[in-house]
Amino acid sequence: MSKLKKKIPKFKSDAEEVEFWSTHDSTEYVDYSKARKTLFPKLKPSIKTISIRLPESLLNHLKILANKRDVPYQSLLKLFLMEKVEDEMAK
C-alpha cells in the first residue's frame, strides 16, 4: 500500500484525542493493511449504574421470565432493552 502521509500527533488528554479523531480520517494516519486481528478476552464493556422505577407487576413478570430462562433478571432486562434499541435504530 501507499506510504502514509501524516504522522499521528501527540495528545495532551483523552478529550483532545477524541476531538481530533472525530474530525479526522484515520486512514490518512494508520496503515490498516498491516493490522492484525486480536482478541481481548478480559476486556469488559463500560457500564454505568442507573436507577429505574418499574411497576412492581412488570418487575415480577420480568423475574418470572428470567427464572424460566435461568438467567438473572437484570441480564434479561438488558437483553430486552438492547433488542428494542437495535430495532428502533434500524428504522
PDB file of N, CA and C in Angstrom:
ATOM      1  N   MET A   1       0.824  -1.200   0.000  1.00  0.00           N
ATOM      2  CA  MET A   1       0.000   0.000   0.000  1.00  0.00           C
ATOM      3  C   MET A   1       0.858   1.250   0.000  1.00  0.00           C
ATOM      4  N   SER A   2       0.226   2.367  -0.260  1.00  0.00           N
ATOM      5  CA  SER A   2       0.996   3.608  -0.325  1.00  0.00           C
ATOM      6  C   SER A   2       1.519   4.010   1.049  1.00  0.00           C
ATOM      7  N   LYS A   3       2.599   4.772   1.012  1.00  0.00           N
ATOM      8  CA  LYS A   3       3.203   5.240   2.251  1.00  0.00           C
ATOM      9  C   LYS A   3       2.296   6.271   2.920  1.00  0.00           C
ATOM     10  N   LEU A   4       2.220   6.204   4.229  1.00  0.00           N
ATOM     11  CA  LEU A   4       1.355   7.130   4.960  1.00  0.00           C
ATOM     12  C   LEU A   4       1.899   8.539   4.857  1.00  0.00           C
ATOM     13  N   LYS A   5       0.991   9.492   4.738  1.00  0.00           N
ATOM     14  CA  LYS A   5       1.383  10.883   4.556  1.00  0.00           C
ATOM     15  C   LYS A   5       1.478  11.646   5.863  1.00  0.00           C
ATOM     16  N   LYS A   6       0.687  11.247   6.849  1.00  0.00           N
ATOM     17  CA  LYS A   6       0.599  12.060   8.057  1.00  0.00           C
ATOM     18  C   LYS A   6       0.997  11.279   9.299  1.00  0.00           C
ATOM     19  N   LYS A   7       1.610  11.995  10.229  1.00  0.00           N
ATOM     20  CA  LYS A   7       2.023  11.398  11.491  1.00  0.00           C
ATOM     21  C   LYS A   7       0.971  11.733  12.558  1.00  0.00           C
ATOM     22  N   ILE A   8       0.650  10.744  13.407  1.00  0.00           N
ATOM     23  CA  ILE A   8      -0.336  10.968  14.471  1.00  0.00           C
ATOM     24  C   ILE A   8       0.265  11.937  15.488  1.00  0.00           C
ATOM     25  N   PRO A   9      -0.453  13.017  15.794  1.00  0.00           N
ATOM     26  CA  PRO A   9       0.080  13.989  16.759  1.00  0.00           C
ATOM     27  C   PRO A   9       0.068  13.454  18.186  1.00  0.00           C
ATOM     28  N   LYS A  10       0.817  14.095  19.040  1.00  0.00           N
ATOM     29  CA  LYS A  10       0.803  13.777  20.476  1.00  0.00           C
ATOM     30  C   LYS A  10      -0.370  14.529  21.094  1.00  0.00           C
ATOM     31  N   PHE A  11      -1.102  13.848  21.969  1.00  0.00           N
ATOM     32  CA  PHE A  11      -2.278  14.460  22.584  1.00  0.00           C
ATOM     33  C   PHE A  11      -2.020  14.726  24.057  1.00  0.00           C
ATOM     34  N   LYS A  12      -2.512  15.866  24.535  1.00  0.00           N
ATOM     35  CA  LYS A  12      -2.341  16.241  25.940  1.00  0.00           C
ATOM     36  C   LYS A  12      -3.355  15.562  26.849  1.00  0.00           C
ATOM     37  N   SER A  13      -4.472  15.107  26.270  1.00  0.00           N
ATOM     38  CA  SER A  13      -5.515  14.475  27.074  1.00  0.00           C
ATOM     39  C   SER A  13      -6.348  13.551  26.190  1.00  0.00           C
ATOM     40  N   ASP A  14      -7.114  12.688  26.844  1.00  0.00           N
ATOM     41  CA  ASP A  14      -8.029  11.815  26.111  1.00  0.00           C
ATOM     42  C   ASP A  14      -9.068  12.643  25.363  1.00  0.00           C
ATOM     43  N   ALA A  15      -9.535  13.704  25.993  1.00  0.00           N
ATOM     44  CA  ALA A  15     -10.546  14.563  25.371  1.00  0.00           C
ATOM     45  C   ALA A  15     -10.005  15.182  24.081  1.00  0.00           C
ATOM     46  N   GLU A  16      -8.750  15.596  24.099  1.00  0.00           N
ATOM     47  CA  GLU A  16      -8.128  16.177  22.903  1.00  0.00           C
ATOM     48  C   GLU A  16      -8.039  15.131  21.800  1.00  0.00           C
ATOM     49  N   GLU A  17      -7.697  13.905  22.176  1.00  0.00           N
ATOM     50  CA  GLU A  17      -7.610  12.834  21.180  1.00  0.00           C
ATOM     51  C   GLU A  17      -8.979  12.506  20.596  1.00  0.00           C
ATOM     52  N   VAL A  18      -9.989  12.451  21.445  1.00  0.00           N
ATOM     53  CA  VAL A  18     -11.356  12.193  20.971  1.00  0.00           C
ATOM     54  C   VAL A  18     -11.775  13.262  19.972  1.00  0.00           C
ATOM     55  N   GLU A  19     -11.509  14.507  20.308  1.00  0.00           N
ATOM     56  CA  GLU A  19     -11.857  15.622  19.420  1.00  0.00           C
ATOM     57  C   GLU A  19     -11.135  15.494  18.085  1.00  0.00           C
ATOM     58  N   PHE A  20      -9.862  15.148  18.133  1.00  0.00           N
ATOM     59  CA  PHE A  20      -9.074  15.009  16.906  1.00  0.00           C
ATOM     60  C   PHE A  20      -9.660  13.929  15.994  1.00  0.00           C
ATOM     61  N   TRP A  21      -9.880  12.725  16.554  1.00  0.00           N
ATOM     62  CA  TRP A  21     -10.344  11.618  15.725  1.00  0.00           C
ATOM     63  C   TRP A  21     -11.786  11.790  15.263  1.00  0.00           C
ATOM     64  N   SER A  22     -12.544  12.628  15.948  1.00  0.00           N
ATOM     65  CA  SER A  22     -13.918  12.868  15.496  1.00  0.00           C
ATOM     66  C   SER A  22     -13.953  13.792  14.280  1.00  0.00           C
ATOM     67  N   THR A  23     -12.829  14.435  13.982  1.00  0.00           N
ATOM     68  CA  THR A  23     -12.785  15.367  12.844  1.00  0.00           C
ATOM     69  C   THR A  23     -11.733  14.995  11.796  1.00  0.00           C
ATOM     70  N   HIS A  24     -11.069  13.853  11.963  1.00  0.00           N
ATOM     71  CA  HIS A  24     -10.041  13.437  11.012  1.00  0.00           C
ATOM     72  C   HIS A  24     -10.275  11.991  10.576  1.00  0.00           C
ATOM     73  N   ASP A  25      -9.869  11.684   9.354  1.00  0.00           N
ATOM     74  CA  ASP A  25      -9.986  10.342   8.803  1.00  0.00           C
ATOM     75  C   ASP A  25      -8.742   9.535   9.185  1.00  0.00           C
ATOM     76  N   SER A  26      -8.954   8.454   9.921  1.00  0.00           N
ATOM     77  CA  SER A  26      -7.815   7.663  10.404  1.00  0.00           C
ATOM     78  C   SER A  26      -7.043   6.990   9.280  1.00  0.00           C
ATOM     79  N   THR A  27      -7.669   6.797   8.120  1.00  0.00           N
ATOM     80  CA  THR A  27      -6.950   6.137   7.020  1.00  0.00           C
ATOM     81  C   THR A  27      -5.797   6.976   6.497  1.00  0.00           C
ATOM     82  N   GLU A  28      -5.778   8.254   6.832  1.00  0.00           N
ATOM     83  CA  GLU A  28      -4.660   9.107   6.443  1.00  0.00           C
ATOM     84  C   GLU A  28      -3.481   8.965   7.414  1.00  0.00           C
ATOM     85  N   TYR A  29      -3.694   8.288   8.527  1.00  0.00           N
ATOM     86  CA  TYR A  29      -2.689   8.186   9.579  1.00  0.00           C
ATOM     87  C   TYR A  29      -2.282   6.744   9.897  1.00  0.00           C
ATOM     88  N   VAL A  30      -3.173   5.802   9.631  1.00  0.00           N
ATOM     89  CA  VAL A  30      -2.940   4.411  10.029  1.00  0.00           C
ATOM     90  C   VAL A  30      -2.941   3.519   8.791  1.00  0.00           C
ATOM     91  N   ASP A  31      -1.941   2.659   8.684  1.00  0.00           N
ATOM     92  CA  ASP A  31      -1.869   1.705   7.580  1.00  0.00           C
ATOM     93  C   ASP A  31      -2.564   0.421   8.021  1.00  0.00           C
ATOM     94  N   TYR A  32      -3.837   0.314   7.675  1.00  0.00           N
ATOM     95  CA  TYR A  32      -4.641  -0.830   8.111  1.00  0.00           C
ATOM     96  C   TYR A  32      -4.261  -2.126   7.403  1.00  0.00           C
ATOM     97  N   SER A  33      -3.477  -2.047   6.346  1.00  0.00           N
ATOM     98  CA  SER A  33      -3.041  -3.273   5.664  1.00  0.00           C
ATOM     99  C   SER A  33      -2.095  -4.085   6.550  1.00  0.00           C
ATOM    100  N   LYS A  34      -1.501  -3.434   7.542  1.00  0.00           N
ATOM    101  CA  LYS A  34      -0.584  -4.124   8.452  1.00  0.00           C
ATOM    102  C   LYS A  34      -1.261  -4.536   9.761  1.00  0.00           C
ATOM    103  N   ALA A  35      -2.563  -4.299   9.849  1.00  0.00           N
ATOM    104  CA  ALA A  35      -3.301  -4.621  11.079  1.00  0.00           C
ATOM    105  C   ALA A  35      -3.432  -6.128  11.243  1.00  0.00           C
ATOM    106  N   ARG A  36      -3.431  -6.565  12.489  1.00  0.00           N
ATOM    107  CA  ARG A  36      -3.623  -7.973  12.801  1.00  0.00           C
ATOM    108  C   ARG A  36      -4.858  -8.096  13.682  1.00  0.00           C
ATOM    109  N   LYS A  37      -5.620  -9.147  13.454  1.00  0.00           N
ATOM    110  CA  LYS A  37      -6.795  -9.396  14.268  1.00  0.00           C
ATOM    111  C   LYS A  37      -6.329  -9.881  15.644  1.00  0.00           C
ATOM    112  N   THR A  38      -6.962  -9.357  16.677  1.00  0.00           N
ATOM    113  CA  THR A  38      -6.599  -9.763  18.035  1.00  0.00           C
ATOM    114  C   THR A  38      -7.849  -9.836  18.886  1.00  0.00           C
ATOM    115  N   LEU A  39      -7.758 -10.546  19.969  1.00  0.00           N
ATOM    116  CA  LEU A  39      -8.873 -10.688  20.900  1.00  0.00           C
ATOM    117  C   LEU A  39      -8.464 -10.124  22.256  1.00  0.00           C
ATOM    118  N   PHE A  40      -9.423  -9.557  22.958  1.00  0.00           N
ATOM    119  CA  PHE A  40      -9.219  -9.047  24.302  1.00  0.00           C
ATOM    120  C   PHE A  40     -10.215  -9.755  25.221  1.00  0.00           C
ATOM    121  N   PRO A  41      -9.910 -10.992  25.623  1.00  0.00           N
ATOM    122  CA  PRO A  41     -10.892 -11.789  26.354  1.00  0.00           C
ATOM    123  C   PRO A  41     -11.293 -11.222  27.718  1.00  0.00           C
ATOM    124  N   LYS A  42     -10.450 -10.445  28.333  1.00  0.00           N
ATOM    125  CA  LYS A  42     -10.774  -9.923  29.663  1.00  0.00           C
ATOM    126  C   LYS A  42     -11.326  -8.502  29.623  1.00  0.00           C
ATOM    127  N   LEU A  43     -11.454  -7.940  28.425  1.00  0.00           N
ATOM    128  CA  LEU A  43     -11.966  -6.590  28.286  1.00  0.00           C
ATOM    129  C   LEU A  43     -13.479  -6.594  28.457  1.00  0.00           C
ATOM    130  N   LYS A  44     -13.948  -5.782  29.370  1.00  0.00           N
ATOM    131  CA  LYS A  44     -15.380  -5.703  29.627  1.00  0.00           C
ATOM    132  C   LYS A  44     -15.891  -4.352  29.151  1.00  0.00           C
ATOM    133  N   PRO A  45     -17.119  -4.352  28.625  1.00  0.00           N
ATOM    134  CA  PRO A  45     -17.663  -3.066  28.184  1.00  0.00           C
ATOM    135  C   PRO A  45     -17.892  -2.134  29.365  1.00  0.00           C
ATOM    136  N   SER A  46     -17.774  -0.853  29.099  1.00  0.00           N
ATOM    137  CA  SER A  46     -18.032   0.133  30.144  1.00  0.00           C
ATOM    138  C   SER A  46     -19.503   0.082  30.520  1.00  0.00           C
ATOM    139  N   ILE A  47     -19.764   0.109  31.801  1.00  0.00           N
ATOM    140  CA  ILE A  47     -21.150   0.105  32.254  1.00  0.00           C
ATOM    141  C   ILE A  47     -21.356   1.255  33.227  1.00  0.00           C
ATOM    142  N   LYS A  48     -22.566   1.709  33.289  1.00  0.00           N
ATOM    143  CA  LYS A  48     -22.926   2.780  34.202  1.00  0.00           C
ATOM    144  C   LYS A  48     -24.133   2.320  34.984  1.00  0.00           C
ATOM    145  N   THR A  49     -24.064   2.442  36.279  1.00  0.00           N
ATOM    146  CA  THR A  49     -25.175   2.070  37.129  1.00  0.00           C
ATOM    147  C   THR A  49     -26.230   3.160  37.091  1.00  0.00           C
ATOM    148  N   ILE A  50     -27.471   2.730  36.874  1.00  0.00           N
ATOM    149  CA  ILE A  50     -28.583   3.675  36.870  1.00  0.00           C
ATOM    150  C   ILE A  50     -29.667   3.168  37.810  1.00  0.00           C
ATOM    151  N   SER A  51     -30.579   4.041  38.118  1.00  0.00           N
ATOM    152  CA  SER A  51     -31.748   3.669  38.897  1.00  0.00           C
ATOM    153  C   SER A  51     -32.965   3.850  38.009  1.00  0.00           C
ATOM    154  N   ILE A  52     -33.822   2.858  37.996  1.00  0.00           N
ATOM    155  CA  ILE A  52     -35.018   2.936  37.165  1.00  0.00           C
ATOM    156  C   ILE A  52     -36.214   2.461  37.986  1.00  0.00           C
ATOM    157  N   ARG A  53     -37.287   3.188  37.894  1.00  0.00           N
ATOM    158  CA  ARG A  53     -38.509   2.810  38.602  1.00  0.00           C
ATOM    159  C   ARG A  53     -39.406   2.019  37.661  1.00  0.00           C
ATOM    160  N   LEU A  54     -39.785   0.820  38.099  1.00  0.00           N
ATOM    161  CA  LEU A  54     -40.658  -0.040  37.311  1.00  0.00           C
ATOM    162  C   LEU A  54     -41.877  -0.399  38.139  1.00  0.00           C
ATOM    163  N   PRO A  55     -43.017  -0.572  37.491  1.00  0.00           N
ATOM    164  CA  PRO A  55     -44.166  -1.081  38.231  1.00  0.00           C
ATOM    165  C   PRO A  55     -43.823  -2.457  38.803  1.00  0.00           C
ATOM    166  N   GLU A  56     -44.278  -2.699  40.000  1.00  0.00           N
ATOM    167  CA  GLU A  56     -43.945  -3.963  40.669  1.00  0.00           C
ATOM    168  C   GLU A  56     -44.399  -5.161  39.847  1.00  0.00           C
ATOM    169  N   SER A  57     -45.550  -5.054  39.208  1.00  0.00           N
ATOM    170  CA  SER A  57     -46.048  -6.177  38.395  1.00  0.00           C
ATOM    171  C   SER A  57     -45.115  -6.462  37.215  1.00  0.00           C
ATOM    172  N   LEU A  58     -44.592  -5.403  36.588  1.00  0.00           N
ATOM    173  CA  LEU A  58     -43.646  -5.582  35.488  1.00  0.00           C
ATOM    174  C   LEU A  58     -42.378  -6.271  35.976  1.00  0.00           C
ATOM    175  N   LEU A  59     -41.874  -5.842  37.102  1.00  0.00           N
ATOM    176  CA  LEU A  59     -40.670  -6.445  37.669  1.00  0.00           C
ATOM    177  C   LEU A  59     -40.911  -7.919  37.994  1.00  0.00           C
ATOM    178  N   ASN A  60     -42.080  -8.225  38.543  1.00  0.00           N
ATOM    179  CA  ASN A  60     -42.412  -9.621  38.867  1.00  0.00           C
ATOM    180  C   ASN A  60     -42.477 -10.474  37.601  1.00  0.00           C
ATOM    181  N   HIS A  61     -43.096  -9.939  36.548  1.00  0.00           N
ATOM    182  CA  HIS A  61     -43.148 -10.681  35.280  1.00  0.00           C
ATOM    183  C   HIS A  61     -41.749 -10.897  34.714  1.00  0.00           C
ATOM    184  N   LEU A  62     -40.923  -9.882  34.798  1.00  0.00           N
ATOM    185  CA  LEU A  62     -39.544  -9.994  34.328  1.00  0.00           C
ATOM    186  C   LEU A  62     -38.794 -11.076  35.102  1.00  0.00           C
ATOM    187  N   LYS A  63     -38.975 -11.115  36.399  1.00  0.00           N
ATOM    188  CA  LYS A  63     -38.309 -12.130  37.229  1.00  0.00           C
ATOM    189  C   LYS A  63     -38.793 -13.530  36.884  1.00  0.00           C
ATOM    190  N   ILE A  64     -40.076 -13.671  36.579  1.00  0.00           N
ATOM    191  CA  ILE A  64     -40.619 -14.985  36.191  1.00  0.00           C
ATOM    192  C   ILE A  64     -40.001 -15.436  34.875  1.00  0.00           C
ATOM    193  N   LEU A  65     -39.960 -14.527  33.888  1.00  0.00           N
ATOM    194  CA  LEU A  65     -39.336 -14.859  32.604  1.00  0.00           C
ATOM    195  C   LEU A  65     -37.861 -15.220  32.766  1.00  0.00           C
ATOM    196  N   ALA A  66     -37.165 -14.453  33.572  1.00  0.00           N
ATOM    197  CA  ALA A  66     -35.740 -14.711  33.801  1.00  0.00           C
ATOM    198  C   ALA A  66     -35.536 -16.070  34.470  1.00  0.00           C
ATOM    199  N   ASN A  67     -36.399 -16.380  35.414  1.00  0.00           N
ATOM    200  CA  ASN A  67     -36.303 -17.662  36.110  1.00  0.00           C
ATOM    201  C   ASN A  67     -36.508 -18.820  35.134  1.00  0.00           C
ATOM    202  N   LYS A  68     -37.465 -18.667  34.205  1.00  0.00           N
ATOM    203  CA  LYS A  68     -37.712 -19.712  33.202  1.00  0.00           C
ATOM    204  C   LYS A  68     -36.495 -19.920  32.313  1.00  0.00           C
ATOM    205  N   ARG A  69     -35.756 -18.839  32.064  1.00  0.00           N
ATOM    206  CA  ARG A  69     -34.565 -18.914  31.203  1.00  0.00           C
ATOM    207  C   ARG A  69     -33.290 -19.178  31.995  1.00  0.00           C
ATOM    208  N   ASP A  70     -33.422 -19.206  33.305  1.00  0.00           N
ATOM    209  CA  ASP A  70     -32.291 -19.457  34.212  1.00  0.00           C
ATOM    210  C   ASP A  70     -31.184 -18.409  34.028  1.00  0.00           C
ATOM    211  N   VAL A  71     -31.620 -17.139  33.990  1.00  0.00           N
ATOM    212  CA  VAL A  71     -30.679 -16.018  33.911  1.00  0.00           C
ATOM    213  C   VAL A  71     -31.092 -14.976  34.947  1.00  0.00           C
ATOM    214  N   PRO A  72     -30.172 -14.135  35.394  1.00  0.00           N
ATOM    215  CA  PRO A  72     -30.545 -13.055  36.307  1.00  0.00           C
ATOM    216  C   PRO A  72     -31.500 -12.082  35.611  1.00  0.00           C
ATOM    217  N   TYR A  73     -32.463 -11.561  36.352  1.00  0.00           N
ATOM    218  CA  TYR A  73     -33.448 -10.685  35.730  1.00  0.00           C
ATOM    219  C   TYR A  73     -32.825  -9.402  35.187  1.00  0.00           C
ATOM    220  N   GLN A  74     -31.755  -8.915  35.820  1.00  0.00           N
ATOM    221  CA  GLN A  74     -31.107  -7.714  35.294  1.00  0.00           C
ATOM    222  C   GLN A  74     -30.504  -7.988  33.913  1.00  0.00           C
ATOM    223  N   SER A  75     -29.933  -9.177  33.736  1.00  0.00           N
ATOM    224  CA  SER A  75     -29.355  -9.550  32.441  1.00  0.00           C
ATOM    225  C   SER A  75     -30.437  -9.655  31.377  1.00  0.00           C
ATOM    226  N   LEU A  76     -31.573 -10.218  31.746  1.00  0.00           N
ATOM    227  CA  LEU A  76     -32.667 -10.333  30.800  1.00  0.00           C
ATOM    228  C   LEU A  76     -33.206  -8.948  30.430  1.00  0.00           C
ATOM    229  N   LEU A  77     -33.302  -8.075  31.393  1.00  0.00           N
ATOM    230  CA  LEU A  77     -33.755  -6.714  31.134  1.00  0.00           C
ATOM    231  C   LEU A  77     -32.804  -6.014  30.163  1.00  0.00           C
ATOM    232  N   LYS A  78     -31.494  -6.163  30.360  1.00  0.00           N
ATOM    233  CA  LYS A  78     -30.515  -5.554  29.446  1.00  0.00           C
ATOM    234  C   LYS A  78     -30.658  -6.126  28.039  1.00  0.00           C
ATOM    235  N   LEU A  79     -30.897  -7.429  27.945  1.00  0.00           N
ATOM    236  CA  LEU A  79     -31.082  -8.067  26.647  1.00  0.00           C
ATOM    237  C   LEU A  79     -32.320  -7.509  25.947  1.00  0.00           C
ATOM    238  N   PHE A  80     -33.439  -7.429  26.668  1.00  0.00           N
ATOM    239  CA  PHE A  80     -34.669  -6.878  26.093  1.00  0.00           C
ATOM    240  C   PHE A  80     -34.469  -5.432  25.642  1.00  0.00           C
ATOM    241  N   LEU A  81     -33.810  -4.640  26.459  1.00  0.00           N
ATOM    242  CA  LEU A  81     -33.560  -3.241  26.100  1.00  0.00           C
ATOM    243  C   LEU A  81     -32.691  -3.142  24.853  1.00  0.00           C
ATOM    244  N   MET A  82     -31.635  -3.931  24.799  1.00  0.00           N
ATOM    245  CA  MET A  82     -30.729  -3.903  23.656  1.00  0.00           C
ATOM    246  C   MET A  82     -31.457  -4.297  22.381  1.00  0.00           C
ATOM    247  N   GLU A  83     -32.282  -5.344  22.449  1.00  0.00           N
ATOM    248  CA  GLU A  83     -33.022  -5.773  21.271  1.00  0.00           C
ATOM    249  C   GLU A  83     -33.952  -4.663  20.770  1.00  0.00           C
ATOM    250  N   LYS A  84     -34.654  -4.019  21.684  1.00  0.00           N
ATOM    251  CA  LYS A  84     -35.585  -2.964  21.299  1.00  0.00           C
ATOM    252  C   LYS A  84     -34.835  -1.750  20.733  1.00  0.00           C
ATOM    253  N   VAL A  85     -33.754  -1.376  21.362  1.00  0.00           N
ATOM    254  CA  VAL A  85     -32.965  -0.241  20.869  1.00  0.00           C
ATOM    255  C   VAL A  85     -32.427  -0.542  19.467  1.00  0.00           C
ATOM    256  N   GLU A  86     -31.907  -1.740  19.261  1.00  0.00           N
ATOM    257  CA  GLU A  86     -31.407  -2.114  17.926  1.00  0.00           C
ATOM    258  C   GLU A  86     -32.518  -2.070  16.885  1.00  0.00           C
ATOM    259  N   ASP A  87     -33.722  -2.550  17.249  1.00  0.00           N
ATOM    260  CA  ASP A  87     -34.864  -2.486  16.344  1.00  0.00           C
ATOM    261  C   ASP A  87     -35.191  -1.043  15.977  1.00  0.00           C
ATOM    262  N   GLU A  88     -35.219  -0.191  16.965  1.00  0.00           N
ATOM    263  CA  GLU A  88     -35.566   1.219  16.736  1.00  0.00           C
ATOM    264  C   GLU A  88     -34.497   1.929  15.918  1.00  0.00           C
ATOM    265  N   MET A  89     -33.236   1.605  16.158  1.00  0.00           N
ATOM    266  CA  MET A  89     -32.140   2.239  15.410  1.00  0.00           C
ATOM    267  C   MET A  89     -32.152   1.808  13.935  1.00  0.00           C
ATOM    268  N   ALA A  90     -32.649   0.608  13.667  1.00  0.00           N
ATOM    269  CA  ALA A  90     -32.681   0.092  12.306  1.00  0.00           C
ATOM    270  C   ALA A  90     -33.770   0.741  11.464  1.00  0.00           C
ATOM    271  N   LYS A  91     -34.704   1.426  12.096  1.00  0.00           N
ATOM    272  CA  LYS A  91     -35.822   2.051  11.350  1.00  0.00           C
ATOM    273  C   LYS A  91     -35.362   3.280  10.611  1.00  0.00           C
TER     274      LYS A  91
END
